[in-house]
All heavy atoms as atom14 arrays in JSON, in Angstrom:
{
  "sequence": "EDALHLTDLLMDQPLGSSTELAELEQSALAEAGHLM",
  "atom14_mask": [
    [1, 1, 1, 1, 1, 1, 1, 1, 1, 0, 0, 0, 0, 0],
    [1, 1, 1, 1, 1, 1, 1, 1, 0, 0, 0, 0, 0, 0],
    [1, 1, 1, 1, 1, 0, 0, 0, 0, 0, 0, 0, 0, 0],
    [1, 1, 1, 1, 1, 1, 1, 1, 0, 0, 0, 0, 0, 0],
    [1, 1, 1, 1, 1, 1, 1, 1, 1, 1, 0, 0, 0, 0],
    [1, 1, 1, 1, 1, 1, 1, 1, 0, 0, 0, 0, 0, 0],
    [1, 1, 1, 1, 1, 1, 1, 0, 0, 0, 0, 0, 0, 0],
    [1, 1, 1, 1, 1, 1, 1, 1, 0, 0, 0, 0, 0, 0],
    [1, 1, 1, 1, 1, 1, 1, 1, 0, 0, 0, 0, 0, 0],
    [1, 1, 1, 1, 1, 1, 1, 1, 0, 0, 0, 0, 0, 0],
    [1, 1, 1, 1, 1, 1, 1, 1, 0, 0, 0, 0, 0, 0],
    [1, 1, 1, 1, 1, 1, 1, 1, 0, 0, 0, 0, 0, 0],
    [1, 1, 1, 1, 1, 1, 1, 1, 1, 0, 0, 0, 0, 0],
    [1, 1, 1, 1, 1, 1, 1, 0, 0, 0, 0, 0, 0, 0],
    [1, 1, 1, 1, 1, 1, 1, 1, 0, 0, 0, 0, 0, 0],
    [1, 1, 1, 1, 0, 0, 0, 0, 0, 0, 0, 0, 0, 0],
    [1, 1, 1, 1, 1, 1, 0, 0, 0, 0, 0, 0, 0, 0],
    [1, 1, 1, 1, 1, 1, 0, 0, 0, 0, 0, 0, 0, 0],
    [1, 1, 1, 1, 1, 1, 1, 0, 0, 0, 0, 0, 0, 0],
    [1, 1, 1, 1, 1, 1, 1, 1, 1, 0, 0, 0, 0, 0],
    [1, 1, 1, 1, 1, 1, 1, 1, 0, 0, 0, 0, 0, 0],
    [1, 1, 1, 1, 1, 0, 0, 0, 0, 0, 0, 0, 0, 0],
    [1, 1, 1, 1, 1, 1, 1, 1, 1, 0, 0, 0, 0, 0],
    [1, 1, 1, 1, 1, 1, 1, 1, 0, 0, 0, 0, 0, 0],
    [1, 1, 1, 1, 1, 1, 1, 1, 1, 0, 0, 0, 0, 0],
    [1, 1, 1, 1, 1, 1, 1, 1, 1, 0, 0, 0, 0, 0],
    [1, 1, 1, 1, 1, 1, 0, 0, 0, 0, 0, 0, 0, 0],
    [1, 1, 1, 1, 1, 0, 0, 0, 0, 0, 0, 0, 0, 0],
    [1, 1, 1, 1, 1, 1, 1, 1, 0, 0, 0, 0, 0, 0],
    [1, 1, 1, 1, 1, 0, 0, 0, 0, 0, 0, 0, 0, 0],
    [1, 1, 1, 1, 1, 1, 1, 1, 1, 0, 0, 0, 0, 0],
    [1, 1, 1, 1, 1, 0, 0, 0, 0, 0, 0, 0, 0, 0],
    [1, 1, 1, 1, 0, 0, 0, 0, 0, 0, 0, 0, 0, 0],
    [1, 1, 1, 1, 1, 1, 1, 1, 1, 1, 0, 0, 0, 0],
    [1, 1, 1, 1, 1, 1, 1, 1, 0, 0, 0, 0, 0, 0],
    [1, 1, 1, 1, 1, 1, 1, 1, 0, 0, 0, 0, 0, 0]
  ],
  "atom14_positions": [
    [[311.28, 71.28, 78.0], [310.14, 70.36, 78.09], [310.26, 69.24, 77.11], [310.08, 68.06, 77.41], [308.82, 71.11, 77.9], [307.61, 70.16, 77.95], [306.35, 70.95, 77.69], [306.32, 72.21, 77.58], [305.31, 70.3, 77.72], [0.0, 0.0, 0.0], [0.0, 0.0, 0.0], [0.0, 0.0, 0.0], [0.0, 0.0, 0.0], [0.0, 0.0, 0.0]],
    [[310.57, 69.57, 75.84], [310.78, 68.52, 74.87], [311.96, 67.59, 75.16], [311.94, 66.39, 74.9], [310.94, 69.12, 73.45], [309.63, 69.64, 72.9], [308.53, 69.27, 73.4], [309.64, 70.4, 71.91], [0.0, 0.0, 0.0], [0.0, 0.0, 0.0], [0.0, 0.0, 0.0], [0.0, 0.0, 0.0], [0.0, 0.0, 0.0], [0.0, 0.0, 0.0]],
    [[313.06, 68.12, 75.72], [314.17, 67.37, 76.11], [313.8, 66.36, 77.21], [314.23, 65.2, 77.17], [315.32, 68.23, 76.58], [0.0, 0.0, 0.0], [0.0, 0.0, 0.0], [0.0, 0.0, 0.0], [0.0, 0.0, 0.0], [0.0, 0.0, 0.0], [0.0, 0.0, 0.0], [0.0, 0.0, 0.0], [0.0, 0.0, 0.0], [0.0, 0.0, 0.0]],
    [[312.98, 66.85, 78.16], [312.53, 65.92, 79.18], [311.6, 64.82, 78.62], [311.72, 63.64, 79.01], [311.79, 66.69, 80.32], [312.63, 67.64, 81.13], [311.79, 68.56, 81.99], [313.64, 66.89, 81.99], [0.0, 0.0, 0.0], [0.0, 0.0, 0.0], [0.0, 0.0, 0.0], [0.0, 0.0, 0.0], [0.0, 0.0, 0.0], [0.0, 0.0, 0.0]],
    [[310.78, 65.12, 77.7], [309.91, 64.15, 77.04], [310.73, 63.13, 76.28], [310.5, 61.93, 76.41], [308.89, 64.76, 76.13], [307.74, 65.42, 76.84], [306.96, 64.82, 77.77], [307.21, 66.69, 76.7], [306.04, 65.68, 78.24], [306.18, 66.81, 77.55], [0.0, 0.0, 0.0], [0.0, 0.0, 0.0], [0.0, 0.0, 0.0], [0.0, 0.0, 0.0]],
    [[311.77, 63.62, 75.49], [312.54, 62.76, 74.75], [313.37, 61.83, 75.6], [313.56, 60.65, 75.37], [313.52, 63.57, 73.86], [314.46, 62.79, 72.93], [313.72, 61.79, 72.05], [315.41, 63.68, 72.14], [0.0, 0.0, 0.0], [0.0, 0.0, 0.0], [0.0, 0.0, 0.0], [0.0, 0.0, 0.0], [0.0, 0.0, 0.0], [0.0, 0.0, 0.0]],
    [[313.81, 62.39, 76.81], [314.56, 61.55, 77.75], [313.69, 60.42, 78.23], [314.12, 59.29, 78.35], [314.99, 62.43, 78.95], [315.93, 63.39, 78.37], [315.73, 61.61, 79.98], [0.0, 0.0, 0.0], [0.0, 0.0, 0.0], [0.0, 0.0, 0.0], [0.0, 0.0, 0.0], [0.0, 0.0, 0.0], [0.0, 0.0, 0.0], [0.0, 0.0, 0.0]],
    [[312.39, 60.7, 78.54], [311.5, 59.68, 79.01], [311.33, 58.62, 77.91], [311.27, 57.43, 78.18], [310.1, 60.21, 79.35], [310.15, 61.0, 80.72], [311.09, 60.71, 81.54], [309.26, 61.81, 80.99], [0.0, 0.0, 0.0], [0.0, 0.0, 0.0], [0.0, 0.0, 0.0], [0.0, 0.0, 0.0], [0.0, 0.0, 0.0], [0.0, 0.0, 0.0]],
    [[311.21, 59.02, 76.62], [311.07, 58.13, 75.51], [312.33, 57.22, 75.35], [312.22, 56.06, 75.19], [310.76, 58.84, 74.23], [309.4, 59.59, 74.13], [309.36, 60.43, 72.88], [308.27, 58.66, 74.23], [0.0, 0.0, 0.0], [0.0, 0.0, 0.0], [0.0, 0.0, 0.0], [0.0, 0.0, 0.0], [0.0, 0.0, 0.0], [0.0, 0.0, 0.0]],
    [[313.47, 57.88, 75.47], [314.75, 57.16, 75.35], [314.95, 56.1, 76.44], [315.47, 55.03, 76.22], [315.91, 58.13, 75.37], [316.05, 59.01, 74.12], [317.04, 60.18, 74.36], [316.49, 58.17, 72.87], [0.0, 0.0, 0.0], [0.0, 0.0, 0.0], [0.0, 0.0, 0.0], [0.0, 0.0, 0.0], [0.0, 0.0, 0.0], [0.0, 0.0, 0.0]],
    [[314.52, 56.52, 77.66], [314.72, 55.62, 78.83], [313.54, 54.72, 79.0], [313.51, 53.97, 80.03], [315.02, 56.53, 80.07], [316.38, 57.26, 79.78], [316.84, 58.47, 81.08], [316.82, 57.47, 82.56], [0.0, 0.0, 0.0], [0.0, 0.0, 0.0], [0.0, 0.0, 0.0], [0.0, 0.0, 0.0], [0.0, 0.0, 0.0], [0.0, 0.0, 0.0]],
    [[312.59, 54.7, 78.16], [311.43, 53.89, 78.16], [310.7, 53.92, 79.57], [310.39, 52.94, 80.27], [311.82, 52.4, 77.89], [310.58, 51.56, 77.54], [309.55, 52.13, 77.09], [310.65, 50.34, 77.69], [0.0, 0.0, 0.0], [0.0, 0.0, 0.0], [0.0, 0.0, 0.0], [0.0, 0.0, 0.0], [0.0, 0.0, 0.0], [0.0, 0.0, 0.0]],
    [[310.41, 55.14, 79.96], [309.75, 55.35, 81.26], [308.51, 56.24, 80.98], [308.43, 56.94, 79.94], [310.67, 55.99, 82.26], [311.33, 57.25, 81.83], [312.47, 57.71, 82.77], [312.99, 56.82, 83.45], [312.8, 58.95, 82.81], [0.0, 0.0, 0.0], [0.0, 0.0, 0.0], [0.0, 0.0, 0.0], [0.0, 0.0, 0.0], [0.0, 0.0, 0.0]],
    [[307.55, 56.26, 81.87], [306.33, 56.98, 81.65], [306.65, 58.49, 81.45], [307.61, 59.08, 82.14], [305.55, 56.81, 82.93], [306.07, 55.57, 83.56], [307.52, 55.46, 83.1], [0.0, 0.0, 0.0], [0.0, 0.0, 0.0], [0.0, 0.0, 0.0], [0.0, 0.0, 0.0], [0.0, 0.0, 0.0], [0.0, 0.0, 0.0], [0.0, 0.0, 0.0]],
    [[305.89, 59.15, 80.52], [306.14, 60.57, 80.22], [305.89, 61.36, 81.58], [304.93, 61.04, 82.36], [305.14, 61.07, 79.2], [305.42, 60.59, 77.87], [304.41, 61.01, 76.85], [306.83, 60.97, 77.36], [0.0, 0.0, 0.0], [0.0, 0.0, 0.0], [0.0, 0.0, 0.0], [0.0, 0.0, 0.0], [0.0, 0.0, 0.0], [0.0, 0.0, 0.0]],
    [[306.72, 62.31, 81.85], [306.63, 63.04, 83.05], [307.57, 62.54, 84.21], [307.68, 63.19, 85.25], [0.0, 0.0, 0.0], [0.0, 0.0, 0.0], [0.0, 0.0, 0.0], [0.0, 0.0, 0.0], [0.0, 0.0, 0.0], [0.0, 0.0, 0.0], [0.0, 0.0, 0.0], [0.0, 0.0, 0.0], [0.0, 0.0, 0.0], [0.0, 0.0, 0.0]],
    [[308.21, 61.42, 83.95], [309.12, 60.84, 84.94], [310.37, 61.72, 85.16], [310.85, 61.97, 86.19], [309.56, 59.42, 84.55], [308.44, 58.56, 84.55], [0.0, 0.0, 0.0], [0.0, 0.0, 0.0], [0.0, 0.0, 0.0], [0.0, 0.0, 0.0], [0.0, 0.0, 0.0], [0.0, 0.0, 0.0], [0.0, 0.0, 0.0], [0.0, 0.0, 0.0]],
    [[310.87, 62.23, 84.03], [312.06, 63.12, 84.08], [311.64, 64.46, 84.44], [310.79, 65.1, 83.76], [312.82, 63.08, 82.77], [313.28, 61.83, 82.5], [0.0, 0.0, 0.0], [0.0, 0.0, 0.0], [0.0, 0.0, 0.0], [0.0, 0.0, 0.0], [0.0, 0.0, 0.0], [0.0, 0.0, 0.0], [0.0, 0.0, 0.0], [0.0, 0.0, 0.0]],
    [[312.17, 65.05, 85.48], [311.84, 66.44, 85.91], [313.09, 67.37, 85.84], [312.94, 68.55, 85.97], [311.3, 66.42, 87.36], [312.27, 65.88, 88.21], [310.0, 65.65, 87.4], [0.0, 0.0, 0.0], [0.0, 0.0, 0.0], [0.0, 0.0, 0.0], [0.0, 0.0, 0.0], [0.0, 0.0, 0.0], [0.0, 0.0, 0.0], [0.0, 0.0, 0.0]],
    [[314.24, 66.79, 85.58], [315.4, 67.57, 85.39], [316.35, 66.8, 84.49], [316.23, 65.61, 84.33], [316.06, 67.96, 86.72], [316.65, 66.68, 87.45], [317.37, 67.06, 88.75], [317.87, 68.2, 88.87], [317.5, 66.16, 89.6], [0.0, 0.0, 0.0], [0.0, 0.0, 0.0], [0.0, 0.0, 0.0], [0.0, 0.0, 0.0], [0.0, 0.0, 0.0]],
    [[317.3, 67.53, 83.92], [318.28, 66.91, 83.03], [319.59, 66.67, 83.83], [320.56, 67.42, 83.64], [318.51, 67.66, 81.76], [317.28, 67.69, 80.79], [317.6, 68.64, 79.62], [316.9, 66.41, 80.36], [0.0, 0.0, 0.0], [0.0, 0.0, 0.0], [0.0, 0.0, 0.0], [0.0, 0.0, 0.0], [0.0, 0.0, 0.0], [0.0, 0.0, 0.0]],
    [[319.57, 65.67, 84.73], [320.74, 65.29, 85.49], [321.67, 64.53, 84.56], [321.41, 64.39, 83.37], [320.34, 64.53, 86.71], [0.0, 0.0, 0.0], [0.0, 0.0, 0.0], [0.0, 0.0, 0.0], [0.0, 0.0, 0.0], [0.0, 0.0, 0.0], [0.0, 0.0, 0.0], [0.0, 0.0, 0.0], [0.0, 0.0, 0.0], [0.0, 0.0, 0.0]],
    [[322.72, 64.0, 85.14], [323.77, 63.28, 84.44], [323.22, 62.12, 83.57], [323.56, 62.01, 82.42], [324.83, 62.75, 85.41], [326.04, 62.21, 84.64], [327.15, 61.81, 85.64], [327.19, 62.31, 86.79], [327.94, 60.99, 85.21], [0.0, 0.0, 0.0], [0.0, 0.0, 0.0], [0.0, 0.0, 0.0], [0.0, 0.0, 0.0], [0.0, 0.0, 0.0]],
    [[322.37, 61.24, 84.08], [321.84, 60.17, 83.39], [321.01, 60.62, 82.18], [321.06, 60.08, 81.1], [321.02, 59.27, 84.3], [320.37, 57.99, 83.62], [321.54, 57.1, 83.08], [319.57, 57.25, 84.58], [0.0, 0.0, 0.0], [0.0, 0.0, 0.0], [0.0, 0.0, 0.0], [0.0, 0.0, 0.0], [0.0, 0.0, 0.0], [0.0, 0.0, 0.0]],
    [[320.07, 61.57, 82.43], [319.27, 62.14, 81.3], [320.08, 62.75, 80.25], [319.85, 62.63, 79.03], [318.25, 63.07, 81.88], [317.16, 62.45, 82.8], [317.64, 62.25, 84.21], [318.75, 62.62, 84.58], [316.85, 61.69, 84.97], [0.0, 0.0, 0.0], [0.0, 0.0, 0.0], [0.0, 0.0, 0.0], [0.0, 0.0, 0.0], [0.0, 0.0, 0.0]],
    [[321.14, 63.56, 80.6], [321.95, 64.17, 79.64], [322.8, 63.15, 78.85], [322.96, 63.32, 77.65], [322.98, 65.15, 80.34], [322.25, 66.4, 80.81], [323.24, 67.46, 81.31], [324.36, 67.62, 80.8], [322.77, 68.29, 82.25], [0.0, 0.0, 0.0], [0.0, 0.0, 0.0], [0.0, 0.0, 0.0], [0.0, 0.0, 0.0], [0.0, 0.0, 0.0]],
    [[323.15, 62.09, 79.5], [323.88, 60.97, 78.79], [322.92, 60.31, 77.76], [323.39, 59.98, 76.62], [324.35, 59.95, 79.82], [324.98, 58.84, 79.16], [0.0, 0.0, 0.0], [0.0, 0.0, 0.0], [0.0, 0.0, 0.0], [0.0, 0.0, 0.0], [0.0, 0.0, 0.0], [0.0, 0.0, 0.0], [0.0, 0.0, 0.0], [0.0, 0.0, 0.0]],
    [[321.68, 60.14, 78.1], [320.68, 59.57, 77.18], [320.52, 60.5, 75.92], [320.54, 60.07, 74.76], [319.38, 59.28, 77.82], [0.0, 0.0, 0.0], [0.0, 0.0, 0.0], [0.0, 0.0, 0.0], [0.0, 0.0, 0.0], [0.0, 0.0, 0.0], [0.0, 0.0, 0.0], [0.0, 0.0, 0.0], [0.0, 0.0, 0.0], [0.0, 0.0, 0.0]],
    [[320.41, 61.78, 76.17], [320.31, 62.73, 75.11], [321.51, 62.77, 74.32], [321.46, 62.92, 72.99], [319.95, 64.09, 75.68], [318.57, 64.32, 76.3], [318.52, 65.69, 76.91], [317.5, 64.18, 75.22], [0.0, 0.0, 0.0], [0.0, 0.0, 0.0], [0.0, 0.0, 0.0], [0.0, 0.0, 0.0], [0.0, 0.0, 0.0], [0.0, 0.0, 0.0]],
    [[322.66, 62.74, 74.9], [323.98, 62.78, 74.14], [324.08, 61.53, 73.21], [324.48, 61.67, 72.05], [325.13, 62.78, 75.12], [0.0, 0.0, 0.0], [0.0, 0.0, 0.0], [0.0, 0.0, 0.0], [0.0, 0.0, 0.0], [0.0, 0.0, 0.0], [0.0, 0.0, 0.0], [0.0, 0.0, 0.0], [0.0, 0.0, 0.0], [0.0, 0.0, 0.0]],
    [[323.72, 60.38, 73.66], [323.7, 59.19, 72.87], [322.75, 59.33, 71.69], [323.13, 58.92, 70.55], [323.37, 57.88, 73.69], [324.51, 57.51, 74.64], [325.88, 57.26, 73.91], [325.87, 56.69, 72.81], [326.89, 57.81, 74.46], [0.0, 0.0, 0.0], [0.0, 0.0, 0.0], [0.0, 0.0, 0.0], [0.0, 0.0, 0.0], [0.0, 0.0, 0.0]],
    [[321.58, 59.84, 71.9], [320.61, 60.03, 70.83], [321.16, 61.06, 69.81], [321.09, 60.81, 68.56], [319.26, 60.5, 71.37], [0.0, 0.0, 0.0], [0.0, 0.0, 0.0], [0.0, 0.0, 0.0], [0.0, 0.0, 0.0], [0.0, 0.0, 0.0], [0.0, 0.0, 0.0], [0.0, 0.0, 0.0], [0.0, 0.0, 0.0], [0.0, 0.0, 0.0]],
    [[321.78, 62.11, 70.24], [322.31, 63.14, 69.39], [323.49, 62.56, 68.53], [323.62, 62.78, 67.35], [0.0, 0.0, 0.0], [0.0, 0.0, 0.0], [0.0, 0.0, 0.0], [0.0, 0.0, 0.0], [0.0, 0.0, 0.0], [0.0, 0.0, 0.0], [0.0, 0.0, 0.0], [0.0, 0.0, 0.0], [0.0, 0.0, 0.0], [0.0, 0.0, 0.0]],
    [[324.37, 61.75, 69.22], [325.46, 61.18, 68.55], [324.99, 60.16, 67.48], [325.51, 60.19, 66.32], [326.38, 60.45, 69.57], [327.62, 60.08, 69.04], [327.91, 58.77, 68.55], [328.8, 60.75, 68.82], [329.18, 58.68, 68.16], [329.73, 59.88, 68.28], [0.0, 0.0, 0.0], [0.0, 0.0, 0.0], [0.0, 0.0, 0.0], [0.0, 0.0, 0.0]],
    [[324.05, 59.43, 67.81], [323.46, 58.46, 66.86], [322.88, 59.14, 65.62], [323.13, 58.77, 64.53], [322.37, 57.59, 67.52], [321.62, 56.65, 66.56], [321.86, 55.19, 66.91], [320.19, 57.01, 66.51], [0.0, 0.0, 0.0], [0.0, 0.0, 0.0], [0.0, 0.0, 0.0], [0.0, 0.0, 0.0], [0.0, 0.0, 0.0], [0.0, 0.0, 0.0]],
    [[322.09, 60.24, 65.85], [321.51, 60.9, 64.78], [322.53, 61.57, 63.8], [322.37, 61.47, 62.62], [320.47, 62.01, 65.29], [319.3, 61.38, 65.99], [318.29, 62.6, 66.83], [317.8, 63.64, 65.48], [0.0, 0.0, 0.0], [0.0, 0.0, 0.0], [0.0, 0.0, 0.0], [0.0, 0.0, 0.0], [0.0, 0.0, 0.0], [0.0, 0.0, 0.0]]
  ]
}
């Protein structure tokens, strides 16, 4: 659930927009993790 929320924040979309961690969502999370 937190990963989906973070994905929405990263992709600047309304909360609840992400319902699964598909390739694009995983890529956004990977970039955030790499940056951190």
